[in-house]
């Protein structure tokens, strides 16, 4: 593994078709009996994608003359999406792009370069098309994408600093549905969090934020920082969790306007 990997992160992934994920998706309410009926009747084709991510820290061994590394597993994350495609598949590209906009967002939070994100998504699209072309009669297309996100200890960096900047689910935007009684309000909150909330990647000592007022910790290398209209800045994942519950600034209680268009 090359120790000069730019920002200190490395990614690998594998794409497979796996029928074993179907029962788990039914249990998690990703798939329903109605979906299966539509697929079997050939009225729709069901596409299920599970992004299984493993977060790892790659630790350089103590021997200064050694290029050997040790891998330590941190945590995991599963993202599941599903969409129904018409029998003639004329809407597949549009539906795929819509659904994978969320995956693109998450991969960018993994600090994955945009060219690698686009390459991964393109390969998933091509793989899915190939599966269906080989067997057009298959009613449910279950695709698993295994992603490894590795934070690599750099030369001269302590292992504590490596763990401090490691990508883990705790430092990511929660993607579970926003709990709001009003469906329109829920959609506005969701759209604001994913698409309108400013995010910038910073380094230690950034002048944008010395310390997050929510968690009371400073930004580590590669941290995502967001600021609200009142100009108060926070860790992106911290303020997102706050805004899911209340749409106001944690410091000054300035109200967040979700729909400027009325």
C-alpha atoms as a PDB file:
ATOM      1  CA  UNK A   1       0.000   0.000   0.000  1.00  0.00           C
ATOM      2  CA  UNK A   2       1.521   3.335  -1.055  1.00  0.00           C
ATOM      3  CA  UNK A   3       2.070   5.657   1.959  1.00  0.00           C
ATOM      4  CA  UNK A   4       1.863   8.715  -0.295  1.00  0.00           C
ATOM      5  CA  UNK A   5      -1.837   8.566  -1.012  1.00  0.00           C
ATOM      6  CA  UNK A   6      -2.497  12.287  -1.110  1.00  0.00           C
ATOM      7  CA  UNK A   7      -4.958  13.078   1.619  1.00  0.00           C
ATOM      8  CA  UNK A   8      -4.382   9.799   3.436  1.00  0.00           C
ATOM      9  CA  UNK A   9      -7.397   7.775   2.301  1.00  0.00           C
ATOM     10  CA  UNK A  10      -7.778   4.766   0.034  1.00  0.00           C
ATOM     11  CA  UNK A  11     -10.868   3.110  -1.450  1.00  0.00           C
ATOM     12  CA  UNK A  12     -11.704  -0.222  -3.020  1.00  0.00           C
ATOM     13  CA  UNK A  13     -14.998  -1.774  -4.052  1.00  0.00           C
ATOM     14  CA  UNK A  14     -16.551  -4.873  -5.609  1.00  0.00           C
ATOM     15  CA  UNK A  15     -19.934  -5.209  -7.338  1.00  0.00           C
ATOM     16  CA  UNK A  16     -21.905  -8.452  -7.270  1.00  0.00           C
ATOM     17  CA  UNK A  17     -25.399  -9.833  -7.720  1.00  0.00           C
ATOM     18  CA  UNK A  18     -26.588 -11.509  -4.501  1.00  0.00           C
ATOM     19  CA  UNK A  19     -30.047 -13.050  -4.057  1.00  0.00           C
ATOM     20  CA  UNK A  20     -29.331 -13.469  -0.340  1.00  0.00           C
ATOM     21  CA  UNK A  21     -30.051  -9.773   0.310  1.00  0.00           C
ATOM     22  CA  UNK A  22     -33.713 -10.113  -0.749  1.00  0.00           C
ATOM     23  CA  UNK A  23     -35.006 -11.604   2.558  1.00  0.00           C
ATOM     24  CA  UNK A  24     -33.118  -8.964   4.548  1.00  0.00           C
ATOM     25  CA  UNK A  25     -34.614  -6.184   2.408  1.00  0.00           C
ATOM     26  CA  UNK A  26     -38.116  -7.588   2.931  1.00  0.00           C
ATOM     27  CA  UNK A  27     -37.520  -7.703   6.680  1.00  0.00           C
ATOM     28  CA  UNK A  28     -36.277  -4.095   6.645  1.00  0.00           C
ATOM     29  CA  UNK A  29     -39.361  -2.983   4.635  1.00  0.00           C
ATOM     30  CA  UNK A  30     -37.196  -2.090   1.647  1.00  0.00           C
ATOM     31  CA  UNK A  31     -39.089  -4.698  -0.389  1.00  0.00           C
ATOM     32  CA  UNK A  32     -42.781  -5.547  -0.048  1.00  0.00           C
ATOM     33  CA  UNK A  33     -44.967  -8.424  -1.218  1.00  0.00           C
ATOM     34  CA  UNK A  34     -46.573  -5.994  -3.659  1.00  0.00           C
ATOM     35  CA  UNK A  35     -43.170  -5.285  -5.215  1.00  0.00           C
ATOM     36  CA  UNK A  36     -42.609  -8.998  -5.683  1.00  0.00           C
ATOM     37  CA  UNK A  37     -46.069  -9.457  -7.233  1.00  0.00           C
ATOM     38  CA  UNK A  38     -45.465  -6.646  -9.732  1.00  0.00           C
ATOM     39  CA  UNK A  39     -42.082  -8.102 -10.625  1.00  0.00           C
ATOM     40  CA  UNK A  40     -43.309 -11.657 -11.060  1.00  0.00           C
ATOM     41  CA  UNK A  41     -46.238 -10.462 -13.198  1.00  0.00           C
ATOM     42  CA  UNK A  42     -43.702  -8.665 -15.410  1.00  0.00           C
ATOM     43  CA  UNK A  43     -45.425  -5.305 -14.893  1.00  0.00           C
ATOM     44  CA  UNK A  44     -42.331  -3.907 -13.199  1.00  0.00           C
ATOM     45  CA  UNK A  45     -38.747  -4.916 -12.585  1.00  0.00           C
ATOM     46  CA  UNK A  46     -37.482  -4.312  -9.053  1.00  0.00           C
ATOM     47  CA  UNK A  47     -33.918  -3.099  -8.561  1.00  0.00           C
ATOM     48  CA  UNK A  48     -32.423  -3.341  -5.086  1.00  0.00           C
ATOM     49  CA  UNK A  49     -29.004  -1.927  -4.291  1.00  0.00           C
ATOM     50  CA  UNK A  50     -27.191  -2.473  -0.991  1.00  0.00           C
ATOM     51  CA  UNK A  51     -24.040  -0.449  -0.381  1.00  0.00           C
ATOM     52  CA  UNK A  52     -22.071  -2.291   2.319  1.00  0.00           C
ATOM     53  CA  UNK A  53     -19.246  -0.129   3.639  1.00  0.00           C
ATOM     54  CA  UNK A  54     -16.423  -1.182   5.936  1.00  0.00           C
ATOM     55  CA  UNK A  55     -14.401   1.571   7.617  1.00  0.00           C
ATOM     56  CA  UNK A  56     -10.785   0.683   8.370  1.00  0.00           C
ATOM     57  CA  UNK A  57      -7.655   2.313   9.736  1.00  0.00           C
ATOM     58  CA  UNK A  58      -4.385   1.235   8.135  1.00  0.00           C
ATOM     59  CA  UNK A  59      -1.657   1.522  10.764  1.00  0.00           C
ATOM     60  CA  UNK A  60       2.044   1.733   9.835  1.00  0.00           C
ATOM     61  CA  UNK A  61       4.107  -0.743  11.824  1.00  0.00           C
ATOM     62  CA  UNK A  62       6.644   0.699  14.264  1.00  0.00           C
ATOM     63  CA  UNK A  63       9.705  -0.333  12.272  1.00  0.00           C
ATOM     64  CA  UNK A  64      10.743   2.907  10.542  1.00  0.00           C
ATOM     65  CA  UNK A  65      12.435   0.994   7.728  1.00  0.00           C
ATOM     66  CA  UNK A  66       9.390  -1.168   7.048  1.00  0.00           C
ATOM     67  CA  UNK A  67       6.671  -0.506   4.502  1.00  0.00           C
ATOM     68  CA  UNK A  68       4.387  -2.965   6.295  1.00  0.00           C
ATOM     69  CA  UNK A  69       0.931  -1.912   7.457  1.00  0.00           C
ATOM     70  CA  UNK A  70      -1.632  -3.371   9.836  1.00  0.00           C
ATOM     71  CA  UNK A  71      -5.373  -3.059   9.198  1.00  0.00           C
ATOM     72  CA  UNK A  72      -7.856  -2.411  11.988  1.00  0.00           C
ATOM     73  CA  UNK A  73     -11.597  -2.632  11.312  1.00  0.00           C
ATOM     74  CA  UNK A  74     -13.575   0.260  12.770  1.00  0.00           C
ATOM     75  CA  UNK A  75     -17.285   0.130  11.920  1.00  0.00           C
ATOM     76  CA  UNK A  76     -19.692  -0.722   9.104  1.00  0.00           C
ATOM     77  CA  UNK A  77     -22.629   0.918   7.352  1.00  0.00           C
ATOM     78  CA  UNK A  78     -25.357  -0.433   5.051  1.00  0.00           C
ATOM     79  CA  UNK A  79     -27.313   1.783   2.665  1.00  0.00           C
ATOM     80  CA  UNK A  80     -30.292   0.275   0.828  1.00  0.00           C
ATOM     81  CA  UNK A  81     -32.223   1.755  -2.070  1.00  0.00           C
ATOM     82  CA  UNK A  82     -34.967   0.305  -4.259  1.00  0.00           C
ATOM     83  CA  UNK A  83     -36.854   1.438  -7.312  1.00  0.00           C
ATOM     84  CA  UNK A  84     -39.359  -0.082  -9.742  1.00  0.00           C
ATOM     85  CA  UNK A  85     -38.593   0.052 -13.446  1.00  0.00           C
ATOM     86  CA  UNK A  86     -41.187  -0.211 -16.189  1.00  0.00           C
ATOM     87  CA  UNK A  87     -41.352  -3.404 -18.226  1.00  0.00           C
ATOM     88  CA  UNK A  88     -39.643  -1.788 -21.235  1.00  0.00           C
ATOM     89  CA  UNK A  89     -36.969  -0.213 -18.942  1.00  0.00           C
ATOM     90  CA  UNK A  90     -37.353   3.154 -20.668  1.00  0.00           C
ATOM     91  CA  UNK A  91     -37.216   4.934 -17.302  1.00  0.00           C
ATOM     92  CA  UNK A  92     -34.249   3.025 -15.864  1.00  0.00           C
ATOM     93  CA  UNK A  93     -31.583   5.683 -16.494  1.00  0.00           C
ATOM     94  CA  UNK A  94     -33.652   8.495 -14.986  1.00  0.00           C
ATOM     95  CA  UNK A  95     -34.624   6.463 -11.916  1.00  0.00           C
ATOM     96  CA  UNK A  96     -31.066   5.240 -11.432  1.00  0.00           C
ATOM     97  CA  UNK A  97     -29.659   8.779 -11.510  1.00  0.00           C
ATOM     98  CA  UNK A  98     -32.304  10.028  -9.061  1.00  0.00           C
ATOM     99  CA  UNK A  99     -31.702   7.260  -6.550  1.00  0.00           C
ATOM    100  CA  UNK A 100     -27.931   7.322  -6.802  1.00  0.00           C
ATOM    101  CA  UNK A 101     -27.753  11.061  -6.121  1.00  0.00           C
ATOM    102  CA  UNK A 102     -28.020  10.059  -2.455  1.00  0.00           C
ATOM    103  CA  UNK A 103     -25.240   7.485  -2.872  1.00  0.00           C
ATOM    104  CA  UNK A 104     -23.090  10.147  -4.566  1.00  0.00           C
ATOM    105  CA  UNK A 105     -23.675  12.405  -1.559  1.00  0.00           C
ATOM    106  CA  UNK A 106     -22.628   9.663   0.872  1.00  0.00           C
ATOM    107  CA  UNK A 107     -19.523   8.678  -1.101  1.00  0.00           C
ATOM    108  CA  UNK A 108     -18.412  12.312  -1.109  1.00  0.00           C
ATOM    109  CA  UNK A 109     -18.691  12.244   2.702  1.00  0.00           C
ATOM    110  CA  UNK A 110     -16.299   9.294   2.641  1.00  0.00           C
ATOM    111  CA  UNK A 111     -13.850  11.869   1.160  1.00  0.00           C
ATOM    112  CA  UNK A 112     -13.785   9.835  -2.054  1.00  0.00           C
ATOM    113  CA  UNK A 113     -12.598  11.930  -5.036  1.00  0.00           C
ATOM    114  CA  UNK A 114     -15.364  12.846  -7.463  1.00  0.00           C
ATOM    115  CA  UNK A 115     -13.794  10.989 -10.390  1.00  0.00           C
ATOM    116  CA  UNK A 116     -13.755   7.777  -8.328  1.00  0.00           C
ATOM    117  CA  UNK A 117     -17.372   8.327  -7.286  1.00  0.00           C
ATOM    118  CA  UNK A 118     -18.479   8.749 -10.890  1.00  0.00           C
ATOM    119  CA  UNK A 119     -16.454   5.695 -11.962  1.00  0.00           C
ATOM    120  CA  UNK A 120     -18.036   3.554  -9.214  1.00  0.00           C
ATOM    121  CA  UNK A 121     -21.573   4.646 -10.064  1.00  0.00           C
ATOM    122  CA  UNK A 122     -20.957   4.112 -13.792  1.00  0.00           C
ATOM    123  CA  UNK A 123     -19.694   0.580 -13.123  1.00  0.00           C
ATOM    124  CA  UNK A 124     -22.757  -0.203 -11.001  1.00  0.00           C
ATOM    125  CA  UNK A 125     -24.989   1.047 -13.832  1.00  0.00           C
ATOM    126  CA  UNK A 126     -23.131  -0.991 -16.468  1.00  0.00           C
ATOM    127  CA  UNK A 127     -23.100  -4.112 -14.270  1.00  0.00           C
ATOM    128  CA  UNK A 128     -26.848  -3.864 -13.699  1.00  0.00           C
ATOM    129  CA  UNK A 129     -27.526  -3.420 -17.411  1.00  0.00           C
ATOM    130  CA  UNK A 130     -25.373  -6.456 -18.175  1.00  0.00           C
ATOM    131  CA  UNK A 131     -27.238  -8.621 -15.628  1.00  0.00           C
ATOM    132  CA  UNK A 132     -30.609  -7.752 -17.156  1.00  0.00           C
ATOM    133  CA  UNK A 133     -29.397  -8.221 -20.730  1.00  0.00           C
ATOM    134  CA  UNK A 134     -28.159 -11.734 -19.906  1.00  0.00           C
ATOM    135  CA  UNK A 135     -31.483 -12.716 -18.282  1.00  0.00           C
ATOM    136  CA  UNK A 136     -34.307 -10.248 -19.101  1.00  0.00           C
ATOM    137  CA  UNK A 137     -36.828 -12.423 -17.250  1.00  0.00           C
ATOM    138  CA  UNK A 138     -35.268 -11.926 -13.799  1.00  0.00           C
ATOM    139  CA  UNK A 139     -37.960 -10.104 -11.732  1.00  0.00           C
ATOM    140  CA  UNK A 140     -35.764  -8.740  -8.931  1.00  0.00           C
ATOM    141  CA  UNK A 141     -32.231  -7.484  -9.525  1.00  0.00           C
ATOM    142  CA  UNK A 142     -30.329  -7.520  -6.192  1.00  0.00           C
ATOM    143  CA  UNK A 143     -26.976  -5.740  -6.438  1.00  0.00           C
ATOM    144  CA  UNK A 144     -24.443  -5.542  -3.607  1.00  0.00           C
ATOM    145  CA  UNK A 145     -21.618  -3.018  -3.675  1.00  0.00           C
ATOM    146  CA  UNK A 146     -18.922  -3.768  -1.082  1.00  0.00           C
ATOM    147  CA  UNK A 147     -16.905  -0.631  -0.330  1.00  0.00           C
ATOM    148  CA  UNK A 148     -13.766  -0.419   1.819  1.00  0.00           C
ATOM    149  CA  UNK A 149     -12.950   3.055   3.152  1.00  0.00           C
ATOM    150  CA  UNK A 150      -9.417   3.037   4.540  1.00  0.00           C
ATOM    151  CA  UNK A 151      -7.832   5.856   6.538  1.00  0.00           C
ATOM    152  CA  UNK A 152      -4.087   5.465   6.105  1.00  0.00           C
ATOM    153  CA  UNK A 153      -1.546   6.539   8.709  1.00  0.00           C
ATOM    154  CA  UNK A 154       0.824   8.936   6.992  1.00  0.00           C
ATOM    155  CA  UNK A 155       4.566   9.260   7.567  1.00  0.00           C
ATOM    156  CA  UNK A 156       5.198  11.407  10.633  1.00  0.00           C
ATOM    157  CA  UNK A 157       1.582  11.143  11.802  1.00  0.00           C
ATOM    158  CA  UNK A 158       0.733   9.674  15.194  1.00  0.00           C
ATOM    159  CA  UNK A 159      -1.819   6.875  15.236  1.00  0.00           C
ATOM    160  CA  UNK A 160      -3.972   9.080  17.480  1.00  0.00           C
ATOM    161  CA  UNK A 161      -4.149  11.737  14.754  1.00  0.00           C
ATOM    162  CA  UNK A 162      -4.971   9.015  12.211  1.00  0.00           C
ATOM    163  CA  UNK A 163      -7.907   7.788  14.304  1.00  0.00           C
ATOM    164  CA  UNK A 164      -8.972  11.402  14.875  1.00  0.00           C
ATOM    165  CA  UNK A 165      -9.440  12.002  11.138  1.00  0.00           C
ATOM    166  CA  UNK A 166     -10.683   8.487  10.325  1.00  0.00           C
ATOM    167  CA  UNK A 167     -13.930   8.257   8.348  1.00  0.00           C
ATOM    168  CA  UNK A 168     -16.576   6.555  10.523  1.00  0.00           C
ATOM    169  CA  UNK A 169     -20.394   6.598  10.606  1.00  0.00           C
ATOM    170  CA  UNK A 170     -20.307   8.987  13.593  1.00  0.00           C
ATOM    171  CA  UNK A 171     -18.897  11.783  11.437  1.00  0.00           C
ATOM    172  CA  UNK A 172     -21.394  11.314   8.574  1.00  0.00           C
ATOM    173  CA  UNK A 173     -24.751  12.922   7.906  1.00  0.00           C
ATOM    174  CA  UNK A 174     -27.549  10.663   9.190  1.00  0.00           C
ATOM    175  CA  UNK A 175     -29.592   9.479   6.223  1.00  0.00           C
ATOM    176  CA  UNK A 176     -32.556   8.027   8.092  1.00  0.00           C
ATOM    177  CA  UNK A 177     -35.912   9.674   7.273  1.00  0.00           C
ATOM    178  CA  UNK A 178     -36.621  12.963   9.014  1.00  0.00           C
ATOM    179  CA  UNK A 179     -39.408  12.455  11.543  1.00  0.00           C
ATOM    180  CA  UNK A 180     -42.049  15.075  10.734  1.00  0.00           C
ATOM    181  CA  UNK A 181     -45.808  14.689  10.759  1.00  0.00           C
ATOM    182  CA  UNK A 182     -46.245  16.930   7.731  1.00  0.00           C
ATOM    183  CA  UNK A 183     -44.925  15.230   4.576  1.00  0.00           C
ATOM    184  CA  UNK A 184     -44.163  18.548   2.821  1.00  0.00           C
ATOM    185  CA  UNK A 185     -42.256  19.829   5.864  1.00  0.00           C
ATOM    186  CA  UNK A 186     -40.301  16.559   6.024  1.00  0.00           C
ATOM    187  CA  UNK A 187     -39.297  16.892   2.383  1.00  0.00           C
ATOM    188  CA  UNK A 188     -38.217  20.520   2.863  1.00  0.00           C
ATOM    189  CA  UNK A 189     -36.061  19.614   5.868  1.00  0.00           C
ATOM    190  CA  UNK A 190     -34.520  16.737   3.931  1.00  0.00           C
ATOM    191  CA  UNK A 191     -33.809  18.863   0.853  1.00  0.00           C
ATOM    192  CA  UNK A 192     -32.211  21.577   2.979  1.00  0.00           C
ATOM    193  CA  UNK A 193     -29.940  19.132   4.818  1.00  0.00           C
ATOM    194  CA  UNK A 194     -28.771  17.303   1.712  1.00  0.00           C
ATOM    195  CA  UNK A 195     -28.613  20.033  -0.904  1.00  0.00           C
ATOM    196  CA  UNK A 196     -28.777  23.532   0.619  1.00  0.00           C
ATOM    197  CA  UNK A 197     -26.683  23.285   3.776  1.00  0.00           C
ATOM    198  CA  UNK A 198     -23.202  24.620   2.905  1.00  0.00           C
ATOM    199  CA  UNK A 199     -20.333  22.195   3.511  1.00  0.00           C
ATOM    200  CA  UNK A 200     -16.617  22.821   3.195  1.00  0.00           C
ATOM    201  CA  UNK A 201     -13.688  20.532   3.963  1.00  0.00           C
ATOM    202  CA  UNK A 202     -11.193  22.064   6.384  1.00  0.00           C
ATOM    203  CA  UNK A 203      -7.906  21.230   8.056  1.00  0.00           C
ATOM    204  CA  UNK A 204      -6.702  21.644  11.610  1.00  0.00           C
ATOM    205  CA  UNK A 205      -6.286  25.287  12.537  1.00  0.00           C
ATOM    206  CA  UNK A 206      -8.911  26.452  10.043  1.00  0.00           C
ATOM    207  CA  UNK A 207     -10.150  29.963  10.716  1.00  0.00           C
ATOM    208  CA  UNK A 208     -13.694  28.954   9.779  1.00  0.00           C
ATOM    209  CA  UNK A 209     -14.269  27.123  13.070  1.00  0.00           C
ATOM    210  CA  UNK A 210     -11.924  26.759  16.035  1.00  0.00           C
ATOM    211  CA  UNK A 211     -14.329  24.534  17.964  1.00  0.00           C
ATOM    212  CA  UNK A 212     -17.743  23.053  17.190  1.00  0.00           C
ATOM    213  CA  UNK A 213     -20.236  24.582  19.683  1.00  0.00           C
ATOM    214  CA  UNK A 214     -22.260  21.328  19.704  1.00  0.00           C
ATOM    215  CA  UNK A 215     -19.605  18.657  20.423  1.00  0.00           C
ATOM    216  CA  UNK A 216     -16.976  21.105  21.767  1.00  0.00           C
ATOM    217  CA  UNK A 217     -14.262  19.536  19.573  1.00  0.00           C
ATOM    218  CA  UNK A 218     -12.137  21.262  16.969  1.00  0.00           C
ATOM    219  CA  UNK A 219     -12.022  20.166  13.321  1.00  0.00           C
ATOM    220  CA  UNK A 220      -9.618  17.395  12.399  1.00  0.00           C
ATOM    221  CA  UNK A 221      -7.920  17.048   9.041  1.00  0.00           C
ATOM    222  CA  UNK A 222     -10.553  16.623   6.344  1.00  0.00           C
ATOM    223  CA  UNK A 223     -13.514  17.550   8.578  1.00  0.00           C
ATOM    224  CA  UNK A 224     -16.688  18.827   6.932  1.00  0.00           C
ATOM    225  CA  UNK A 225     -17.852  22.122   8.425  1.00  0.00           C
ATOM    226  CA  UNK A 226     -21.211  23.803   7.768  1.00  0.00           C
ATOM    227  CA  UNK A 227     -22.478  27.260   8.576  1.00  0.00           C
ATOM    228  CA  UNK A 228     -26.013  28.552   8.938  1.00  0.00           C
ATOM    229  CA  UNK A 229     -27.472  31.812   7.560  1.00  0.00           C
ATOM    230  CA  UNK A 230     -26.538  33.489  10.857  1.00  0.00           C
ATOM    231  CA  UNK A 231     -22.872  32.593  10.026  1.00  0.00           C
ATOM    232  CA  UNK A 232     -22.354  30.270  13.011  1.00  0.00           C
ATOM    233  CA  UNK A 233     -20.251  27.243  12.020  1.00  0.00           C
ATOM    234  CA  UNK A 234     -20.430  23.639  13.228  1.00  0.00           C
ATOM    235  CA  UNK A 235     -19.300  20.159  12.261  1.00  0.00           C
ATOM    236  CA  UNK A 236     -21.633  19.203   9.399  1.00  0.00           C
ATOM    237  CA  UNK A 237     -22.728  15.951  11.032  1.00  0.00           C
ATOM    238  CA  UNK A 238     -23.341  17.707  14.378  1.00  0.00           C
ATOM    239  CA  UNK A 239     -25.532  20.495  13.014  1.00  0.00           C
ATOM    240  CA  UNK A 240     -27.390  18.084  10.727  1.00  0.00           C
ATOM    241  CA  UNK A 241     -28.456  15.982  13.708  1.00  0.00           C
ATOM    242  CA  UNK A 242     -29.565  19.174  15.454  1.00  0.00           C
ATOM    243  CA  UNK A 243     -31.553  20.462  12.469  1.00  0.00           C
ATOM    244  CA  UNK A 244     -33.385  17.170  12.050  1.00  0.00           C
ATOM    245  CA  UNK A 245     -35.064  17.877  15.400  1.00  0.00           C
ATOM    246  CA  UNK A 246     -35.325  21.682  15.353  1.00  0.00           C
ATOM    247  CA  UNK A 247     -34.876  24.179  12.529  1.00  0.00           C
ATOM    248  CA  UNK A 248     -32.962  26.924  14.328  1.00  0.00           C
ATOM    249  CA  UNK A 249     -29.336  27.770  15.129  1.00  0.00           C
ATOM    250  CA  UNK A 250     -28.036  25.970  18.250  1.00  0.00           C
ATOM    251  CA  UNK A 251     -26.306  29.171  19.383  1.00  0.00           C
ATOM    252  CA  UNK A 252     -28.535  32.149  18.580  1.00  0.00           C
ATOM    253  CA  UNK A 253     -31.815  30.292  17.783  1.00  0.00           C
ATOM    254  CA  UNK A 254     -32.044  32.067  14.429  1.00  0.00           C
ATOM    255  CA  UNK A 255     -34.825  30.289  12.531  1.00  0.00           C
ATOM    256  CA  UNK A 256     -33.879  28.405   9.373  1.00  0.00           C
ATOM    257  CA  UNK A 257     -36.144  29.258   6.452  1.00  0.00           C
ATOM    258  CA  UNK A 258     -36.687  25.990   4.574  1.00  0.00           C
ATOM    259  CA  UNK A 259     -38.722  27.226   1.623  1.00  0.00           C
ATOM    260  CA  UNK A 260     -37.865  30.672   0.324  1.00  0.00           C
ATOM    261  CA  UNK A 261     -40.281  30.207  -2.532  1.00  0.00           C
ATOM    262  CA  UNK A 262     -43.226  29.988  -0.154  1.00  0.00           C
END
